[in-house]
PDB file of all heavy atoms in Angstrom:
ATOM      1  N   ARG A   1     -14.866 -29.973 -24.450  1.00  0.00           N
ATOM      2  CA  ARG A   1     -14.341 -29.287 -23.222  1.00  0.00           C
ATOM      3  C   ARG A   1     -13.355 -30.210 -22.493  1.00  0.00           C
ATOM      4  O   ARG A   1     -12.337 -29.702 -21.970  1.00  0.00           O
ATOM      5  CB  ARG A   1     -15.495 -28.925 -22.318  1.00  0.00           C
ATOM      6  CG  ARG A   1     -15.045 -28.128 -21.057  1.00  0.00           C
ATOM      7  CD  ARG A   1     -16.311 -27.710 -20.229  1.00  0.00           C
ATOM      8  NE  ARG A   1     -17.165 -26.851 -21.019  1.00  0.00           N
ATOM      9  CZ  ARG A   1     -18.293 -26.349 -20.539  1.00  0.00           C
ATOM     10  NH1 ARG A   1     -18.738 -26.665 -19.329  1.00  0.00           N
ATOM     11  NH2 ARG A   1     -19.020 -25.546 -21.302  1.00  0.00           N
ATOM     12  N   GLU A   2     -13.639 -31.491 -22.412  1.00  0.00           N
ATOM     13  CA  GLU A   2     -12.795 -32.402 -21.720  1.00  0.00           C
ATOM     14  C   GLU A   2     -11.451 -32.537 -22.403  1.00  0.00           C
ATOM     15  O   GLU A   2     -10.368 -32.553 -21.791  1.00  0.00           O
ATOM     16  CB  GLU A   2     -13.458 -33.810 -21.619  1.00  0.00           C
ATOM     17  CG  GLU A   2     -14.590 -33.880 -20.636  1.00  0.00           C
ATOM     18  CD  GLU A   2     -15.929 -33.356 -21.212  1.00  0.00           C
ATOM     19  OE1 GLU A   2     -15.923 -32.787 -22.310  1.00  0.00           O
ATOM     20  OE2 GLU A   2     -16.960 -33.644 -20.560  1.00  0.00           O
ATOM     21  N   VAL A   3     -11.463 -32.579 -23.756  1.00  0.00           N
ATOM     22  CA  VAL A   3     -10.205 -32.667 -24.507  1.00  0.00           C
ATOM     23  C   VAL A   3      -9.361 -31.399 -24.250  1.00  0.00           C
ATOM     24  O   VAL A   3      -8.177 -31.468 -23.971  1.00  0.00           O
ATOM     25  CB  VAL A   3     -10.471 -32.812 -26.022  1.00  0.00           C
ATOM     26  CG1 VAL A   3      -9.159 -32.762 -26.772  1.00  0.00           C
ATOM     27  CG2 VAL A   3     -11.216 -34.129 -26.283  1.00  0.00           C
ATOM     28  N   CYS A   4     -10.005 -30.254 -24.318  1.00  0.00           N
ATOM     29  CA  CYS A   4      -9.297 -28.959 -24.108  1.00  0.00           C
ATOM     30  C   CYS A   4      -8.719 -28.897 -22.681  1.00  0.00           C
ATOM     31  O   CYS A   4      -7.616 -28.405 -22.476  1.00  0.00           O
ATOM     32  CB  CYS A   4     -10.205 -27.789 -24.392  1.00  0.00           C
ATOM     33  SG  CYS A   4     -10.665 -27.595 -26.132  1.00  0.00           S
ATOM     34  N   LYS A   5      -9.475 -29.405 -21.747  1.00  0.00           N
ATOM     35  CA  LYS A   5      -9.033 -29.379 -20.323  1.00  0.00           C
ATOM     36  C   LYS A   5      -7.742 -30.213 -20.178  1.00  0.00           C
ATOM     37  O   LYS A   5      -6.840 -29.859 -19.494  1.00  0.00           O
ATOM     38  CB  LYS A   5     -10.104 -29.875 -19.429  1.00  0.00           C
ATOM     39  CG  LYS A   5      -9.727 -29.898 -17.896  1.00  0.00           C
ATOM     40  CD  LYS A   5     -10.816 -30.429 -17.034  1.00  0.00           C
ATOM     41  CE  LYS A   5     -10.379 -30.476 -15.596  1.00  0.00           C
ATOM     42  NZ  LYS A   5     -11.447 -31.060 -14.655  1.00  0.00           N
ATOM     43  N   ASP A   6      -7.725 -31.376 -20.825  1.00  0.00           N
ATOM     44  CA  ASP A   6      -6.561 -32.273 -20.755  1.00  0.00           C
ATOM     45  C   ASP A   6      -5.337 -31.527 -21.294  1.00  0.00           C
ATOM     46  O   ASP A   6      -4.240 -31.582 -20.703  1.00  0.00           O
ATOM     47  CB  ASP A   6      -6.779 -33.538 -21.603  1.00  0.00           C
ATOM     48  CG  ASP A   6      -7.740 -34.503 -20.911  1.00  0.00           C
ATOM     49  OD1 ASP A   6      -8.040 -34.311 -19.687  1.00  0.00           O
ATOM     50  OD2 ASP A   6      -8.149 -35.475 -21.588  1.00  0.00           O
ATOM     51  N   ILE A   7      -5.543 -30.869 -22.462  1.00  0.00           N
ATOM     52  CA  ILE A   7      -4.424 -30.168 -23.088  1.00  0.00           C
ATOM     53  C   ILE A   7      -3.937 -29.017 -22.235  1.00  0.00           C
ATOM     54  O   ILE A   7      -2.728 -28.763 -22.119  1.00  0.00           O
ATOM     55  CB  ILE A   7      -4.814 -29.725 -24.487  1.00  0.00           C
ATOM     56  CG1 ILE A   7      -5.067 -30.934 -25.365  1.00  0.00           C
ATOM     57  CG2 ILE A   7      -3.755 -28.817 -25.115  1.00  0.00           C
ATOM     58  CD1 ILE A   7      -5.713 -30.597 -26.724  1.00  0.00           C
ATOM     59  N   GLU A   8      -4.847 -28.323 -21.622  1.00  0.00           N
ATOM     60  CA  GLU A   8      -4.520 -27.201 -20.701  1.00  0.00           C
ATOM     61  C   GLU A   8      -3.710 -27.746 -19.485  1.00  0.00           C
ATOM     62  O   GLU A   8      -2.743 -27.138 -19.046  1.00  0.00           O
ATOM     63  CB  GLU A   8      -5.756 -26.473 -20.261  1.00  0.00           C
ATOM     64  CG  GLU A   8      -6.398 -25.659 -21.377  1.00  0.00           C
ATOM     65  CD  GLU A   8      -7.796 -25.128 -20.998  1.00  0.00           C
ATOM     66  OE1 GLU A   8      -8.203 -25.423 -19.867  1.00  0.00           O
ATOM     67  OE2 GLU A   8      -8.456 -24.476 -21.893  1.00  0.00           O
ATOM     68  N   GLU A   9      -4.186 -28.855 -18.921  1.00  0.00           N
ATOM     69  CA  GLU A   9      -3.489 -29.486 -17.792  1.00  0.00           C
ATOM     70  C   GLU A   9      -2.056 -29.853 -18.167  1.00  0.00           C
ATOM     71  O   GLU A   9      -1.144 -29.705 -17.368  1.00  0.00           O
ATOM     72  CB  GLU A   9      -4.267 -30.696 -17.314  1.00  0.00           C
ATOM     73  CG  GLU A   9      -5.406 -30.388 -16.417  1.00  0.00           C
ATOM     74  CD  GLU A   9      -6.042 -31.631 -15.766  1.00  0.00           C
ATOM     75  OE1 GLU A   9      -6.046 -32.670 -16.411  1.00  0.00           O
ATOM     76  OE2 GLU A   9      -6.415 -31.557 -14.587  1.00  0.00           O
ATOM     77  N   ALA A  10      -1.908 -30.386 -19.357  1.00  0.00           N
ATOM     78  CA  ALA A  10      -0.549 -30.734 -19.854  1.00  0.00           C
ATOM     79  C   ALA A  10       0.347 -29.553 -19.840  1.00  0.00           C
ATOM     80  O   ALA A  10       1.518 -29.622 -19.443  1.00  0.00           O
ATOM     81  CB  ALA A  10      -0.615 -31.354 -21.250  1.00  0.00           C
ATOM     82  N   GLN A  11      -0.162 -28.431 -20.239  1.00  0.00           N
ATOM     83  CA  GLN A  11       0.639 -27.172 -20.226  1.00  0.00           C
ATOM     84  C   GLN A  11       0.968 -26.761 -18.781  1.00  0.00           C
ATOM     85  O   GLN A  11       2.128 -26.329 -18.493  1.00  0.00           O
ATOM     86  CB  GLN A  11      -0.136 -26.060 -20.931  1.00  0.00           C
ATOM     87  CG  GLN A  11      -0.321 -26.339 -22.420  1.00  0.00           C
ATOM     88  CD  GLN A  11      -1.218 -25.276 -23.104  1.00  0.00           C
ATOM     89  OE1 GLN A  11      -1.941 -24.540 -22.467  1.00  0.00           O
ATOM     90  NE2 GLN A  11      -1.223 -25.271 -24.440  1.00  0.00           N
ATOM     91  N   VAL A  12      -0.010 -26.878 -17.874  1.00  0.00           N
ATOM     92  CA  VAL A  12       0.238 -26.532 -16.470  1.00  0.00           C
ATOM     93  C   VAL A  12       1.288 -27.433 -15.861  1.00  0.00           C
ATOM     94  O   VAL A  12       2.146 -26.947 -15.131  1.00  0.00           O
ATOM     95  CB  VAL A  12      -1.092 -26.630 -15.665  1.00  0.00           C
ATOM     96  CG1 VAL A  12      -0.838 -26.500 -14.195  1.00  0.00           C
ATOM     97  CG2 VAL A  12      -2.116 -25.584 -16.126  1.00  0.00           C
ATOM     98  N   PHE A  13       1.273 -28.694 -16.216  1.00  0.00           N
ATOM     99  CA  PHE A  13       2.210 -29.632 -15.654  1.00  0.00           C
ATOM    100  C   PHE A  13       3.565 -29.575 -16.387  1.00  0.00           C
ATOM    101  O   PHE A  13       4.506 -30.250 -15.926  1.00  0.00           O
ATOM    102  CB  PHE A  13       1.687 -31.066 -15.742  1.00  0.00           C
ATOM    103  CG  PHE A  13       0.529 -31.352 -14.876  1.00  0.00           C
ATOM    104  CD1 PHE A  13      -0.365 -32.369 -15.156  1.00  0.00           C
ATOM    105  CD2 PHE A  13       0.317 -30.619 -13.652  1.00  0.00           C
ATOM    106  CE1 PHE A  13      -1.410 -32.648 -14.279  1.00  0.00           C
ATOM    107  CE2 PHE A  13      -0.741 -30.872 -12.850  1.00  0.00           C
ATOM    108  CZ  PHE A  13      -1.601 -31.914 -13.111  1.00  0.00           C
ATOM    109  N   GLY A  14       3.655 -28.787 -17.388  1.00  0.00           N
ATOM    110  CA  GLY A  14       4.896 -28.670 -18.194  1.00  0.00           C
ATOM    111  C   GLY A  14       5.176 -29.893 -19.087  1.00  0.00           C
ATOM    112  O   GLY A  14       6.337 -30.134 -19.400  1.00  0.00           O
ATOM    113  N   ILE A  15       4.112 -30.595 -19.444  1.00  0.00           N
ATOM    114  CA  ILE A  15       4.326 -31.748 -20.345  1.00  0.00           C
ATOM    115  C   ILE A  15       4.587 -31.233 -21.757  1.00  0.00           C
ATOM    116  O   ILE A  15       3.765 -30.567 -22.330  1.00  0.00           O
ATOM    117  CB  ILE A  15       3.043 -32.636 -20.292  1.00  0.00           C
ATOM    118  CG1 ILE A  15       2.889 -33.225 -18.908  1.00  0.00           C
ATOM    119  CG2 ILE A  15       3.148 -33.711 -21.381  1.00  0.00           C
ATOM    120  CD1 ILE A  15       1.569 -33.994 -18.727  1.00  0.00           C
ATOM    121  N   GLN A  16       5.736 -31.620 -22.286  1.00  0.00           N
ATOM    122  CA  GLN A  16       6.103 -31.170 -23.632  1.00  0.00           C
ATOM    123  C   GLN A  16       6.291 -32.332 -24.586  1.00  0.00           C
ATOM    124  O   GLN A  16       6.598 -32.103 -25.763  1.00  0.00           O
ATOM    125  CB  GLN A  16       7.355 -30.323 -23.552  1.00  0.00           C
ATOM    126  CG  GLN A  16       7.190 -29.070 -22.752  1.00  0.00           C
ATOM    127  CD  GLN A  16       8.463 -28.219 -22.712  1.00  0.00           C
ATOM    128  OE1 GLN A  16       9.549 -28.692 -22.909  1.00  0.00           O
ATOM    129  NE2 GLN A  16       8.279 -26.893 -22.449  1.00  0.00           N
ATOM    130  N   GLY A  17       6.139 -33.532 -24.089  1.00  0.00           N
ATOM    131  CA  GLY A  17       6.263 -34.681 -24.912  1.00  0.00           C
ATOM    132  C   GLY A  17       5.445 -35.817 -24.399  1.00  0.00           C
ATOM    133  O   GLY A  17       5.105 -35.874 -23.218  1.00  0.00           O
ATOM    134  N   VAL A  18       5.084 -36.757 -25.279  1.00  0.00           N
ATOM    135  CA  VAL A  18       4.225 -37.851 -24.871  1.00  0.00           C
ATOM    136  C   VAL A  18       4.852 -39.182 -25.378  1.00  0.00           C
ATOM    137  O   VAL A  18       5.604 -39.146 -26.329  1.00  0.00           O
ATOM    138  CB  VAL A  18       2.806 -37.708 -25.394  1.00  0.00           C
ATOM    139  CG1 VAL A  18       2.103 -36.647 -24.629  1.00  0.00           C
ATOM    140  CG2 VAL A  18       2.784 -37.399 -26.860  1.00  0.00           C
ATOM    141  N   PRO A  19       4.586 -40.314 -24.672  1.00  0.00           N
ATOM    142  CA  PRO A  19       3.600 -40.387 -23.548  1.00  0.00           C
ATOM    143  C   PRO A  19       4.231 -39.896 -22.244  1.00  0.00           C
ATOM    144  O   PRO A  19       5.404 -40.041 -21.988  1.00  0.00           O
ATOM    145  CB  PRO A  19       3.372 -41.910 -23.471  1.00  0.00           C
ATOM    146  CG  PRO A  19       4.654 -42.530 -23.947  1.00  0.00           C
ATOM    147  CD  PRO A  19       5.122 -41.594 -25.047  1.00  0.00           C
ATOM    148  N   THR A  20       3.364 -39.352 -21.408  1.00  0.00           N
ATOM    149  CA  THR A  20       3.774 -38.910 -20.069  1.00  0.00           C
ATOM    150  C   THR A  20       2.774 -39.574 -19.085  1.00  0.00           C
ATOM    151  O   THR A  20       1.574 -39.463 -19.242  1.00  0.00           O
ATOM    152  CB  THR A  20       3.751 -37.403 -19.899  1.00  0.00           C
ATOM    153  OG1 THR A  20       4.760 -36.812 -20.693  1.00  0.00           O
ATOM    154  CG2 THR A  20       3.962 -36.996 -18.425  1.00  0.00           C
ATOM    155  N   PHE A  21       3.338 -40.207 -18.086  1.00  0.00           N
ATOM    156  CA  PHE A  21       2.543 -40.942 -17.089  1.00  0.00           C
ATOM    157  C   PHE A  21       2.634 -40.191 -15.736  1.00  0.00           C
ATOM    158  O   PHE A  21       3.734 -39.954 -15.194  1.00  0.00           O
ATOM    159  CB  PHE A  21       3.096 -42.378 -16.909  1.00  0.00           C
ATOM    160  CG  PHE A  21       3.263 -43.136 -18.209  1.00  0.00           C
ATOM    161  CD1 PHE A  21       4.370 -42.890 -19.031  1.00  0.00           C
ATOM    162  CD2 PHE A  21       2.258 -44.027 -18.568  1.00  0.00           C
ATOM    163  CE1 PHE A  21       4.467 -43.608 -20.233  1.00  0.00           C
ATOM    164  CE2 PHE A  21       2.368 -44.744 -19.787  1.00  0.00           C
ATOM    165  CZ  PHE A  21       3.488 -44.517 -20.586  1.00  0.00           C
ATOM    166  N   VAL A  22       1.484 -39.813 -15.220  1.00  0.00           N
ATOM    167  CA  VAL A  22       1.391 -39.118 -13.938  1.00  0.00           C
ATOM    168  C   VAL A  22       0.728 -40.079 -12.907  1.00  0.00           C
ATOM    169  O   VAL A  22      -0.409 -40.486 -13.129  1.00  0.00           O
ATOM    170  CB  VAL A  22       0.587 -37.841 -14.077  1.00  0.00           C
ATOM    171  CG1 VAL A  22       0.499 -37.122 -12.706  1.00  0.00           C
ATOM    172  CG2 VAL A  22       1.261 -36.879 -15.040  1.00  0.00           C
ATOM    173  N   VAL A  23       1.441 -40.358 -11.848  1.00  0.00           N
ATOM    174  CA  VAL A  23       0.982 -41.310 -10.832  1.00  0.00           C
ATOM    175  C   VAL A  23       0.465 -40.597  -9.617  1.00  0.00           C
ATOM    176  O   VAL A  23       1.174 -39.877  -8.952  1.00  0.00           O
ATOM    177  CB  VAL A  23       2.123 -42.231 -10.459  1.00  0.00           C
ATOM    178  CG1 VAL A  23       1.608 -43.263  -9.417  1.00  0.00           C
ATOM    179  CG2 VAL A  23       2.711 -42.953 -11.627  1.00  0.00           C
ATOM    180  N   ASN A  24      -0.861 -40.771  -9.352  1.00  0.00           N
ATOM    181  CA  ASN A  24      -1.527 -40.228  -8.197  1.00  0.00           C
ATOM    182  C   ASN A  24      -1.262 -38.711  -8.037  1.00  0.00           C
ATOM    183  O   ASN A  24      -1.262 -38.171  -6.860  1.00  0.00           O
ATOM    184  CB  ASN A  24      -1.061 -40.953  -6.916  1.00  0.00           C
ATOM    185  CG  ASN A  24      -1.602 -42.379  -6.863  1.00  0.00           C
ATOM    186  OD1 ASN A  24      -2.569 -42.719  -7.502  1.00  0.00           O
ATOM    187  ND2 ASN A  24      -0.862 -43.210  -6.116  1.00  0.00           N
ATOM    188  N   ARG A  25      -1.021 -38.082  -9.139  1.00  0.00           N
ATOM    189  CA  ARG A  25      -0.745 -36.609  -9.121  1.00  0.00           C
ATOM    190  C   ARG A  25       0.469 -36.269  -8.229  1.00  0.00           C
ATOM    191  O   ARG A  25       0.578 -35.134  -7.738  1.00  0.00           O
ATOM    192  CB  ARG A  25      -1.968 -35.833  -8.669  1.00  0.00           C
ATOM    193  CG  ARG A  25      -3.131 -35.907  -9.638  1.00  0.00           C
ATOM    194  CD  ARG A  25      -3.055 -34.795 -10.678  1.00  0.00           C
ATOM    195  NE  ARG A  25      -3.952 -35.028 -11.813  1.00  0.00           N
ATOM    196  CZ  ARG A  25      -4.607 -34.070 -12.434  1.00  0.00           C
ATOM    197  NH1 ARG A  25      -4.536 -32.820 -11.975  1.00  0.00           N
ATOM    198  NH2 ARG A  25      -5.355 -34.346 -13.447  1.00  0.00           N
ATOM    199  N   GLU A  26       1.314 -37.251  -8.007  1.00  0.00           N
ATOM    200  CA  GLU A  26       2.488 -37.007  -7.157  1.00  0.00           C
ATOM    201  C   GLU A  26       3.785 -36.974  -7.894  1.00  0.00           C
ATOM    202  O   GLU A  26       4.697 -36.177  -7.568  1.00  0.00           O
ATOM    203  CB  GLU A  26       2.559 -38.136  -6.067  1.00  0.00           C
ATOM    204  CG  GLU A  26       1.389 -38.109  -5.089  1.00  0.00           C
ATOM    205  CD  GLU A  26       1.445 -39.256  -4.100  1.00  0.00           C
ATOM    206  OE1 GLU A  26       2.369 -40.075  -4.223  1.00  0.00           O
ATOM    207  OE2 GLU A  26       0.601 -39.321  -3.207  1.00  0.00           O
ATOM    208  N   TYR A  27       3.985 -37.822  -8.881  1.00  0.00           N
ATOM    209  CA  TYR A  27       5.139 -37.728  -9.685  1.00  0.00           C
ATOM    210  C   TYR A  27       4.845 -38.289 -11.092  1.00  0.00           C
ATOM    211  O   TYR A  27       3.850 -38.914 -11.355  1.00  0.00           O
ATOM    212  CB  TYR A  27       6.342 -38.438  -9.068  1.00  0.00           C
ATOM    213  CG  TYR A  27       6.259 -39.961  -9.073  1.00  0.00           C
ATOM    214  CD1 TYR A  27       6.817 -40.741 -10.086  1.00  0.00           C
ATOM    215  CD2 TYR A  27       5.642 -40.625  -8.033  1.00  0.00           C
ATOM    216  CE1 TYR A  27       6.765 -42.095 -10.070  1.00  0.00           C
ATOM    217  CE2 TYR A  27       5.581 -42.006  -7.970  1.00  0.00           C
ATOM    218  CZ  TYR A  27       6.160 -42.758  -9.032  1.00  0.00           C
ATOM    219  OH  TYR A  27       6.091 -44.090  -9.007  1.00  0.00           O
ATOM    220  N   ALA A  28       5.802 -38.036 -12.037  1.00  0.00           N
ATOM    221  CA  ALA A  28       5.576 -38.381 -13.412  1.00  0.00           C
ATOM    222  C   ALA A  28       6.852 -38.907 -14.057  1.00  0.00           C
ATOM    223  O   ALA A  28       7.997 -38.651 -13.575  1.00  0.00           O
ATOM    224  CB  ALA A  28       5.093 -37.144 -14.212  1.00  0.00           C
ATOM    225  N   PHE A  29       6.642 -39.676 -15.132  1.00  0.00           N
ATOM    226  CA  PHE A  29       7.764 -40.129 -15.950  1.00  0.00           C
ATOM    227  C   PHE A  29       7.246 -40.223 -17.356  1.00  0.00           C
ATOM    228  O   PHE A  29       6.063 -40.217 -17.623  1.00  0.00           O
ATOM    229  CB  PHE A  29       8.291 -41.434 -15.452  1.00  0.00           C
ATOM    230  CG  PHE A  29       7.326 -42.615 -15.431  1.00  0.00           C
ATOM    231  CD1 PHE A  29       7.235 -43.522 -16.502  1.00  0.00           C
ATOM    232  CD2 PHE A  29       6.491 -42.780 -14.315  1.00  0.00           C
ATOM    233  CE1 PHE A  29       6.352 -44.522 -16.494  1.00  0.00           C
ATOM    234  CE2 PHE A  29       5.602 -43.847 -14.326  1.00  0.00           C
ATOM    235  CZ  PHE A  29       5.494 -44.734 -15.380  1.00  0.00           C
ATOM    236  N   SER A  30       8.170 -40.247 -18.353  1.00  0.00           N
ATOM    237  CA  SER A  30       7.717 -40.173 -19.737  1.00  0.00           C
ATOM    238  C   SER A  30       8.483 -41.198 -20.606  1.00  0.00           C
ATOM    239  O   SER A  30       9.474 -41.809 -20.154  1.00  0.00           O
ATOM    240  CB  SER A  30       7.932 -38.792 -20.259  1.00  0.00           C
ATOM    241  OG  SER A  30       9.314 -38.395 -20.198  1.00  0.00           O
ATOM    242  N   GLY A  31       7.987 -41.364 -21.787  1.00  0.00           N
ATOM    243  CA  GLY A  31       8.660 -42.221 -22.746  1.00  0.00           C
ATOM    244  C   GLY A  31       8.055 -43.609 -22.842  1.00  0.00           C
ATOM    245  O   GLY A  31       7.352 -44.039 -21.890  1.00  0.00           O
ATOM    246  N   ALA A  32       8.346 -44.279 -23.918  1.00  0.00           N
ATOM    247  CA  ALA A  32       7.821 -45.622 -24.140  1.00  0.00           C
ATOM    248  C   ALA A  32       8.720 -46.631 -23.394  1.00  0.00           C
ATOM    249  O   ALA A  32       9.632 -47.217 -23.952  1.00  0.00           O
ATOM    250  CB  ALA A  32       7.811 -45.950 -25.643  1.00  0.00           C
ATOM    251  N   GLN A  33       8.501 -46.730 -22.113  1.00  0.00           N
ATOM    252  CA  GLN A  33       9.324 -47.579 -21.308  1.00  0.00           C
ATOM    253  C   GLN A  33       9.168 -49.082 -21.658  1.00  0.00           C
ATOM    254  O   GLN A  33       8.063 -49.498 -22.038  1.00  0.00           O
ATOM    255  CB  GLN A  33       8.913 -47.427 -19.798  1.00  0.00           C
ATOM    256  CG  GLN A  33       8.996 -46.001 -19.267  1.00  0.00           C
ATOM    257  CD  GLN A  33      10.408 -45.491 -19.200  1.00  0.00           C
ATOM    258  OE1 GLN A  33      11.351 -46.260 -18.895  1.00  0.00           O
ATOM    259  NE2 GLN A  33      10.591 -44.210 -19.452  1.00  0.00           N
TER     260      GLN A  33
END
């Protein structure tokens, strides 16, 4: 259930590629920085 919830959240947040880093649920950035 936890794995599925993560994947569902990714869809809600519009995450289409990884890695994606979400900071304090306020903003996000992606890629192997």
